[in-house]
Every structure is written in C-alpha cells, then in structure tokens.
Amino acid sequence: MMRVMNTKIPPISEIKALLVAMTQSDLQGLSKLSGVPLTTLLKIRGGVTVNPGIETVRKFSAHLTKAAA
C-alpha cells in the first residue's frame, strides 16, 4: 500500500526568496530542524544549486516558517 504525502512543496523561486530573507542564525536553526546540511541551504540560497532534489526540499520546506520565527 502506497502512502501519499500531502505536503505541498512551494516553487524554488519562493523557497529561494524565503532563504534569502533568513539570517545566518535562522539558517542554522533550519538546518538543525530539518537535517539538511547548512552548506546545502547556503548553496540553494546563493543560486549555486539551481535545481535541488525534491527530497532535500521536502525535508526543510515544512520548517521554513518555524526556523525564521
């Protein structure tokens, strides 16, 4: 039996904008909450990683607002 995830992933442009608005401290918190390495978040934020994997984005997208709070 397949489980269907009900997590909507925002477009990468929206994710990048949210990451750009975050402080270094916020990004570190997001990294800890999601388990995604800080360097990966920084590469997405800086445009080095233009097309991040869906699983990577899924790991941290649900935590974006929590980390910035």
N, C-alpha and C. Protein backbone atom coordinates (compact mmCIF):
# COMPACT_ATOMS: atom_id res chain seq x y z
N MET A 1 0.84 -1.18 0.00
CA MET A 1 0.00 0.00 0.00
C MET A 1 0.89 1.25 0.00
N MET A 2 0.65 2.15 -0.92
CA MET A 2 1.44 3.37 -1.03
C MET A 2 0.87 4.45 -0.14
N ARG A 3 1.78 5.17 0.51
CA ARG A 3 1.37 6.34 1.29
C ARG A 3 1.50 7.57 0.43
N VAL A 4 0.49 8.37 0.41
CA VAL A 4 0.53 9.61 -0.35
C VAL A 4 0.82 10.74 0.61
N MET A 5 1.89 11.46 0.32
CA MET A 5 2.25 12.60 1.17
C MET A 5 1.41 13.79 0.76
N ASN A 6 0.94 14.50 1.73
CA ASN A 6 0.08 15.64 1.47
C ASN A 6 0.84 16.95 1.64
N THR A 7 2.15 16.91 1.49
CA THR A 7 2.97 18.08 1.68
C THR A 7 3.14 18.81 0.35
N LYS A 8 2.64 20.03 0.31
CA LYS A 8 2.79 20.83 -0.90
C LYS A 8 4.15 21.51 -0.86
N ILE A 9 4.91 21.36 -1.91
CA ILE A 9 6.24 21.96 -2.00
C ILE A 9 6.12 23.26 -2.81
N PRO A 10 6.54 24.38 -2.22
CA PRO A 10 6.48 25.64 -2.97
C PRO A 10 7.49 25.66 -4.12
N PRO A 11 7.29 26.52 -5.10
CA PRO A 11 8.24 26.63 -6.21
C PRO A 11 9.62 27.07 -5.69
N ILE A 12 10.67 26.70 -6.40
CA ILE A 12 12.03 27.00 -5.96
C ILE A 12 12.26 28.51 -5.84
N SER A 13 11.61 29.30 -6.67
CA SER A 13 11.77 30.76 -6.58
C SER A 13 11.27 31.27 -5.23
N GLU A 14 10.17 30.70 -4.75
CA GLU A 14 9.61 31.09 -3.46
C GLU A 14 10.52 30.61 -2.31
N ILE A 15 11.01 29.40 -2.44
CA ILE A 15 11.91 28.85 -1.42
C ILE A 15 13.18 29.69 -1.33
N LYS A 16 13.75 30.02 -2.48
CA LYS A 16 14.98 30.82 -2.50
C LYS A 16 14.73 32.19 -1.86
N ALA A 17 13.60 32.81 -2.15
CA ALA A 17 13.27 34.11 -1.56
C ALA A 17 13.17 34.01 -0.04
N LEU A 18 12.57 32.94 0.45
CA LEU A 18 12.47 32.73 1.89
C LEU A 18 13.85 32.52 2.51
N LEU A 19 14.70 31.76 1.84
CA LEU A 19 16.06 31.52 2.35
C LEU A 19 16.88 32.81 2.35
N VAL A 20 16.74 33.62 1.32
CA VAL A 20 17.48 34.89 1.23
C VAL A 20 17.09 35.82 2.37
N ALA A 21 15.83 35.78 2.77
CA ALA A 21 15.35 36.65 3.85
C ALA A 21 15.81 36.20 5.23
N MET A 22 16.34 34.99 5.34
CA MET A 22 16.73 34.44 6.63
C MET A 22 18.14 34.88 7.03
N THR A 23 18.34 35.04 8.33
CA THR A 23 19.67 35.35 8.85
C THR A 23 20.49 34.06 8.92
N GLN A 24 21.77 34.21 9.16
CA GLN A 24 22.65 33.04 9.32
C GLN A 24 22.15 32.16 10.47
N SER A 25 21.74 32.79 11.54
CA SER A 25 21.22 32.07 12.70
C SER A 25 19.94 31.29 12.34
N ASP A 26 19.07 31.93 11.56
CA ASP A 26 17.85 31.27 11.10
C ASP A 26 18.18 30.04 10.26
N LEU A 27 19.16 30.19 9.37
CA LEU A 27 19.56 29.09 8.50
C LEU A 27 20.15 27.93 9.31
N GLN A 28 20.91 28.26 10.34
CA GLN A 28 21.47 27.22 11.20
C GLN A 28 20.34 26.47 11.91
N GLY A 29 19.34 27.21 12.38
CA GLY A 29 18.18 26.58 13.02
C GLY A 29 17.42 25.69 12.05
N LEU A 30 17.25 26.17 10.82
CA LEU A 30 16.57 25.38 9.80
C LEU A 30 17.33 24.10 9.51
N SER A 31 18.64 24.20 9.46
CA SER A 31 19.48 23.04 9.23
C SER A 31 19.29 22.01 10.35
N LYS A 32 19.29 22.48 11.57
CA LYS A 32 19.11 21.57 12.71
C LYS A 32 17.72 20.94 12.72
N LEU A 33 16.70 21.73 12.45
CA LEU A 33 15.32 21.22 12.44
C LEU A 33 15.09 20.17 11.34
N SER A 34 15.67 20.43 10.18
CA SER A 34 15.37 19.60 9.01
C SER A 34 16.36 18.48 8.76
N GLY A 35 17.58 18.63 9.28
CA GLY A 35 18.60 17.63 8.99
C GLY A 35 19.31 17.87 7.67
N VAL A 36 19.00 18.98 7.00
CA VAL A 36 19.67 19.34 5.75
C VAL A 36 20.91 20.15 6.11
N PRO A 37 22.08 19.77 5.59
CA PRO A 37 23.30 20.50 5.94
C PRO A 37 23.21 21.99 5.62
N LEU A 38 23.81 22.80 6.49
CA LEU A 38 23.81 24.25 6.30
C LEU A 38 24.41 24.61 4.94
N THR A 39 25.47 23.91 4.54
CA THR A 39 26.10 24.21 3.25
C THR A 39 25.13 24.01 2.09
N THR A 40 24.27 23.02 2.19
CA THR A 40 23.27 22.78 1.14
C THR A 40 22.28 23.93 1.08
N LEU A 41 21.81 24.38 2.25
CA LEU A 41 20.88 25.52 2.29
C LEU A 41 21.53 26.77 1.71
N LEU A 42 22.81 26.99 2.04
CA LEU A 42 23.53 28.16 1.53
C LEU A 42 23.69 28.09 0.01
N LYS A 43 23.94 26.91 -0.52
CA LYS A 43 24.08 26.75 -1.97
C LYS A 43 22.75 27.02 -2.69
N ILE A 44 21.65 26.58 -2.11
CA ILE A 44 20.34 26.86 -2.70
C ILE A 44 20.06 28.35 -2.62
N ARG A 45 20.33 28.93 -1.47
CA ARG A 45 20.11 30.37 -1.25
C ARG A 45 20.94 31.22 -2.22
N GLY A 46 22.19 30.83 -2.44
CA GLY A 46 23.09 31.59 -3.30
C GLY A 46 22.96 31.31 -4.78
N GLY A 47 22.13 30.34 -5.14
CA GLY A 47 21.93 30.03 -6.55
C GLY A 47 22.96 29.07 -7.12
N VAL A 48 23.85 28.54 -6.28
CA VAL A 48 24.82 27.55 -6.75
C VAL A 48 24.10 26.27 -7.13
N THR A 49 23.16 25.87 -6.28
CA THR A 49 22.30 24.73 -6.59
C THR A 49 20.99 25.29 -7.12
N VAL A 50 20.83 25.21 -8.44
CA VAL A 50 19.68 25.81 -9.10
C VAL A 50 18.45 24.92 -9.02
N ASN A 51 18.66 23.62 -9.05
CA ASN A 51 17.55 22.68 -9.07
C ASN A 51 17.77 21.61 -7.99
N PRO A 52 17.50 21.96 -6.73
CA PRO A 52 17.72 20.98 -5.65
C PRO A 52 16.75 19.81 -5.75
N GLY A 53 17.18 18.67 -5.23
CA GLY A 53 16.34 17.48 -5.26
C GLY A 53 15.06 17.66 -4.46
N ILE A 54 14.02 17.00 -4.90
CA ILE A 54 12.71 17.13 -4.26
C ILE A 54 12.75 16.66 -2.81
N GLU A 55 13.49 15.61 -2.53
CA GLU A 55 13.56 15.10 -1.16
C GLU A 55 14.29 16.08 -0.25
N THR A 56 15.31 16.75 -0.77
CA THR A 56 16.02 17.76 0.01
C THR A 56 15.08 18.90 0.36
N VAL A 57 14.35 19.38 -0.63
CA VAL A 57 13.41 20.49 -0.41
C VAL A 57 12.30 20.06 0.53
N ARG A 58 11.82 18.84 0.37
CA ARG A 58 10.75 18.34 1.23
C ARG A 58 11.19 18.32 2.70
N LYS A 59 12.46 17.99 2.94
CA LYS A 59 12.99 17.92 4.31
C LYS A 59 12.91 19.26 5.03
N PHE A 60 13.21 20.35 4.31
CA PHE A 60 13.27 21.63 5.01
C PHE A 60 12.11 22.57 4.73
N SER A 61 11.33 22.35 3.69
CA SER A 61 10.28 23.32 3.34
C SER A 61 9.22 23.46 4.43
N ALA A 62 8.89 22.39 5.11
CA ALA A 62 7.88 22.46 6.16
C ALA A 62 8.39 23.23 7.38
N HIS A 63 9.71 23.38 7.49
CA HIS A 63 10.31 24.05 8.64
C HIS A 63 10.67 25.51 8.37
N LEU A 64 10.45 25.99 7.15
CA LEU A 64 10.88 27.34 6.81
C LEU A 64 10.32 28.41 7.75
N THR A 65 9.04 28.39 8.03
CA THR A 65 8.46 29.42 8.87
C THR A 65 8.84 29.23 10.33
N LYS A 66 9.03 27.98 10.77
CA LYS A 66 9.43 27.72 12.16
C LYS A 66 10.84 28.25 12.43
N ALA A 67 11.74 28.05 11.48
CA ALA A 67 13.13 28.47 11.69
C ALA A 67 13.27 29.98 11.70
N ALA A 68 12.43 30.67 10.94
CA ALA A 68 12.52 32.12 10.87
C ALA A 68 11.78 32.81 12.01
N ALA A 69 11.02 32.06 12.78
CA ALA A 69 10.22 32.65 13.86
C ALA A 69 11.09 33.04 15.06
